[in-house]
Amino acid sequence: MKIYHRQGAIHVNLFHGFAVLESSAVSRSRKITAPFIFSAKTFYAASCNLLRRLLNREPAYPGLKMLIKKYYESIEKAESEPISSVNYIAITRMCEGFKRKMSE
């Protein structure tokens, strides 16, 4: 996903759980070097993300272990779940809206 703003763009990799900032600066040398700089930033962000996941012993789906742990804790303590059903439904509706927009 790309989020554009005045200072450039944020490239968000939702599948792997990291983001890379891209500057909006414009020049001839920037035009030539931009793909290489972006690639280097992406490689660095992905490497840091992988290292963090390895250190946390979480090889896939960042945050999944923590979410499962919080769910079990909420069951043990008879508390509300970490993600309420209202939020879950809202997120599901948003995803469905994105899918509709992408297929148009």
C-alpha atoms as a PDB file:
ATOM      1  CA  MET A   1       0.000   0.000   0.000  1.00  0.00           C
ATOM      2  CA  LYS A   2       1.249   3.484  -0.807  1.00  0.00           C
ATOM      3  CA  ILE A   3       0.305   6.559   1.183  1.00  0.00           C
ATOM      4  CA  TYR A   4       1.144   9.805  -0.598  1.00  0.00           C
ATOM      5  CA  HIS A   5       1.751  13.061   1.278  1.00  0.00           C
ATOM      6  CA  ARG A   6       3.579  16.375   0.842  1.00  0.00           C
ATOM      7  CA  GLN A   7       6.988  15.040   1.855  1.00  0.00           C
ATOM      8  CA  GLY A   8       6.793  11.999  -0.435  1.00  0.00           C
ATOM      9  CA  ALA A   9       5.241   8.581   0.057  1.00  0.00           C
ATOM     10  CA  ILE A  10       5.115   5.798   2.592  1.00  0.00           C
ATOM     11  CA  HIS A  11       5.279   2.302   1.131  1.00  0.00           C
ATOM     12  CA  VAL A  12       3.606   0.005   3.648  1.00  0.00           C
ATOM     13  CA  ASN A  13       4.177  -3.729   3.377  1.00  0.00           C
ATOM     14  CA  LEU A  14       1.217  -5.034   5.363  1.00  0.00           C
ATOM     15  CA  PHE A  15       2.042  -8.674   4.675  1.00  0.00           C
ATOM     16  CA  HIS A  16       5.533  -8.513   6.155  1.00  0.00           C
ATOM     17  CA  GLY A  17       4.947  -5.722   8.662  1.00  0.00           C
ATOM     18  CA  PHE A  18       7.284  -2.859   7.718  1.00  0.00           C
ATOM     19  CA  ALA A  19       7.199   0.482   5.924  1.00  0.00           C
ATOM     20  CA  VAL A  20       9.645   2.512   3.826  1.00  0.00           C
ATOM     21  CA  LEU A  21       9.610   6.288   3.370  1.00  0.00           C
ATOM     22  CA  GLU A  22      10.259   7.784  -0.049  1.00  0.00           C
ATOM     23  CA  SER A  23      11.236  11.444  -0.333  1.00  0.00           C
ATOM     24  CA  SER A  24       9.464  13.836  -2.675  1.00  0.00           C
ATOM     25  CA  ALA A  25      12.718  15.662  -3.514  1.00  0.00           C
ATOM     26  CA  VAL A  26      13.164  16.089  -7.262  1.00  0.00           C
ATOM     27  CA  SER A  27      16.387  16.512  -9.236  1.00  0.00           C
ATOM     28  CA  ARG A  28      18.214  14.799 -12.091  1.00  0.00           C
ATOM     29  CA  SER A  29      20.507  12.888  -9.758  1.00  0.00           C
ATOM     30  CA  ARG A  30      17.554  11.992  -7.524  1.00  0.00           C
ATOM     31  CA  LYS A  31      15.690  10.600 -10.538  1.00  0.00           C
ATOM     32  CA  ILE A  32      18.656   8.349 -11.322  1.00  0.00           C
ATOM     33  CA  THR A  33      19.387   7.238  -7.751  1.00  0.00           C
ATOM     34  CA  ALA A  34      15.794   6.985  -6.426  1.00  0.00           C
ATOM     35  CA  PRO A  35      15.200   3.326  -7.415  1.00  0.00           C
ATOM     36  CA  PHE A  36      18.499   2.265  -5.841  1.00  0.00           C
ATOM     37  CA  ILE A  37      17.888   4.261  -2.667  1.00  0.00           C
ATOM     38  CA  PHE A  38      14.365   2.853  -2.389  1.00  0.00           C
ATOM     39  CA  SER A  39      15.680  -0.688  -2.908  1.00  0.00           C
ATOM     40  CA  ALA A  40      18.351  -0.187  -0.244  1.00  0.00           C
ATOM     41  CA  LYS A  41      15.792   1.212   2.218  1.00  0.00           C
ATOM     42  CA  THR A  42      13.450  -1.694   1.530  1.00  0.00           C
ATOM     43  CA  PHE A  43      16.258  -4.216   1.990  1.00  0.00           C
ATOM     44  CA  TYR A  44      17.269  -2.545   5.273  1.00  0.00           C
ATOM     45  CA  ALA A  45      13.681  -2.414   6.592  1.00  0.00           C
ATOM     46  CA  ALA A  46      13.030  -6.038   5.613  1.00  0.00           C
ATOM     47  CA  SER A  47      16.322  -7.151   7.210  1.00  0.00           C
ATOM     48  CA  CYS A  48      15.561  -5.319  10.463  1.00  0.00           C
ATOM     49  CA  ASN A  49      12.052  -6.767  10.466  1.00  0.00           C
ATOM     50  CA  LEU A  50      13.385 -10.286   9.924  1.00  0.00           C
ATOM     51  CA  LEU A  51      16.018  -9.872  12.641  1.00  0.00           C
ATOM     52  CA  ARG A  52      13.393  -8.590  15.105  1.00  0.00           C
ATOM     53  CA  ARG A  53      11.137 -11.540  14.284  1.00  0.00           C
ATOM     54  CA  LEU A  54      14.008 -13.985  14.726  1.00  0.00           C
ATOM     55  CA  LEU A  55      14.919 -12.469  18.092  1.00  0.00           C
ATOM     56  CA  ASN A  56      11.271 -12.696  19.177  1.00  0.00           C
ATOM     57  CA  ARG A  57      11.091 -16.270  17.841  1.00  0.00           C
ATOM     58  CA  GLU A  58       8.206 -15.248  15.629  1.00  0.00           C
ATOM     59  CA  PRO A  59       9.084 -16.503  12.131  1.00  0.00           C
ATOM     60  CA  ALA A  60       5.778 -15.493  10.519  1.00  0.00           C
ATOM     61  CA  TYR A  61       2.777 -13.214  11.061  1.00  0.00           C
ATOM     62  CA  PRO A  62       4.234 -10.457  13.270  1.00  0.00           C
ATOM     63  CA  GLY A  63       2.156  -9.948  16.399  1.00  0.00           C
ATOM     64  CA  LEU A  64       0.202 -13.200  16.095  1.00  0.00           C
ATOM     65  CA  LYS A  65       1.801 -14.840  19.145  1.00  0.00           C
ATOM     66  CA  MET A  66       1.137 -11.738  21.248  1.00  0.00           C
ATOM     67  CA  LEU A  67      -2.478 -11.572  20.063  1.00  0.00           C
ATOM     68  CA  ILE A  68      -3.055 -15.255  20.884  1.00  0.00           C
ATOM     69  CA  LYS A  69      -1.448 -14.744  24.303  1.00  0.00           C
ATOM     70  CA  LYS A  70      -3.726 -11.759  24.987  1.00  0.00           C
ATOM     71  CA  TYR A  71      -6.792 -13.770  23.969  1.00  0.00           C
ATOM     72  CA  TYR A  72      -5.899 -16.599  26.343  1.00  0.00           C
ATOM     73  CA  GLU A  73      -5.214 -14.105  29.144  1.00  0.00           C
ATOM     74  CA  SER A  74      -8.594 -12.459  28.553  1.00  0.00           C
ATOM     75  CA  ILE A  75     -10.296 -15.855  28.798  1.00  0.00           C
ATOM     76  CA  GLU A  76      -8.429 -16.762  32.011  1.00  0.00           C
ATOM     77  CA  LYS A  77      -9.229 -13.418  33.644  1.00  0.00           C
ATOM     78  CA  ALA A  78     -12.776 -13.242  32.233  1.00  0.00           C
ATOM     79  CA  GLU A  79     -11.977  -9.875  30.610  1.00  0.00           C
ATOM     80  CA  SER A  80     -13.024  -8.519  27.245  1.00  0.00           C
ATOM     81  CA  GLU A  81     -11.153  -9.820  24.217  1.00  0.00           C
ATOM     82  CA  PRO A  82      -8.195  -7.817  22.785  1.00  0.00           C
ATOM     83  CA  ILE A  83     -10.127  -7.067  19.588  1.00  0.00           C
ATOM     84  CA  SER A  84     -13.804  -6.427  20.282  1.00  0.00           C
ATOM     85  CA  SER A  85     -16.460  -7.897  18.019  1.00  0.00           C
ATOM     86  CA  VAL A  86     -17.479  -4.348  17.046  1.00  0.00           C
ATOM     87  CA  ASN A  87     -13.918  -3.588  15.874  1.00  0.00           C
ATOM     88  CA  TYR A  88     -13.679  -6.945  14.113  1.00  0.00           C
ATOM     89  CA  ILE A  89     -16.887  -6.257  12.175  1.00  0.00           C
ATOM     90  CA  ALA A  90     -15.709  -2.726  11.293  1.00  0.00           C
ATOM     91  CA  ILE A  91     -12.375  -4.071  10.021  1.00  0.00           C
ATOM     92  CA  THR A  92     -14.137  -6.761   7.990  1.00  0.00           C
ATOM     93  CA  ARG A  93     -16.422  -4.175   6.395  1.00  0.00           C
ATOM     94  CA  MET A  94     -13.444  -1.963   5.559  1.00  0.00           C
ATOM     95  CA  CYS A  95     -11.647  -4.895   3.905  1.00  0.00           C
ATOM     96  CA  GLU A  96     -14.756  -5.707   1.887  1.00  0.00           C
ATOM     97  CA  GLY A  97     -14.961  -2.062   0.804  1.00  0.00           C
ATOM     98  CA  PHE A  98     -11.317  -2.127  -0.312  1.00  0.00           C
ATOM     99  CA  LYS A  99     -11.952  -5.326  -2.290  1.00  0.00           C
ATOM    100  CA  ARG A 100     -14.931  -3.731  -4.053  1.00  0.00           C
ATOM    101  CA  LYS A 101     -12.930  -0.606  -4.920  1.00  0.00           C
ATOM    102  CA  MET A 102     -10.009  -2.685  -6.219  1.00  0.00           C
ATOM    103  CA  SER A 103     -12.267  -4.757  -8.484  1.00  0.00           C
ATOM    104  CA  GLU A 104     -13.940  -1.698 -10.059  1.00  0.00           C
END
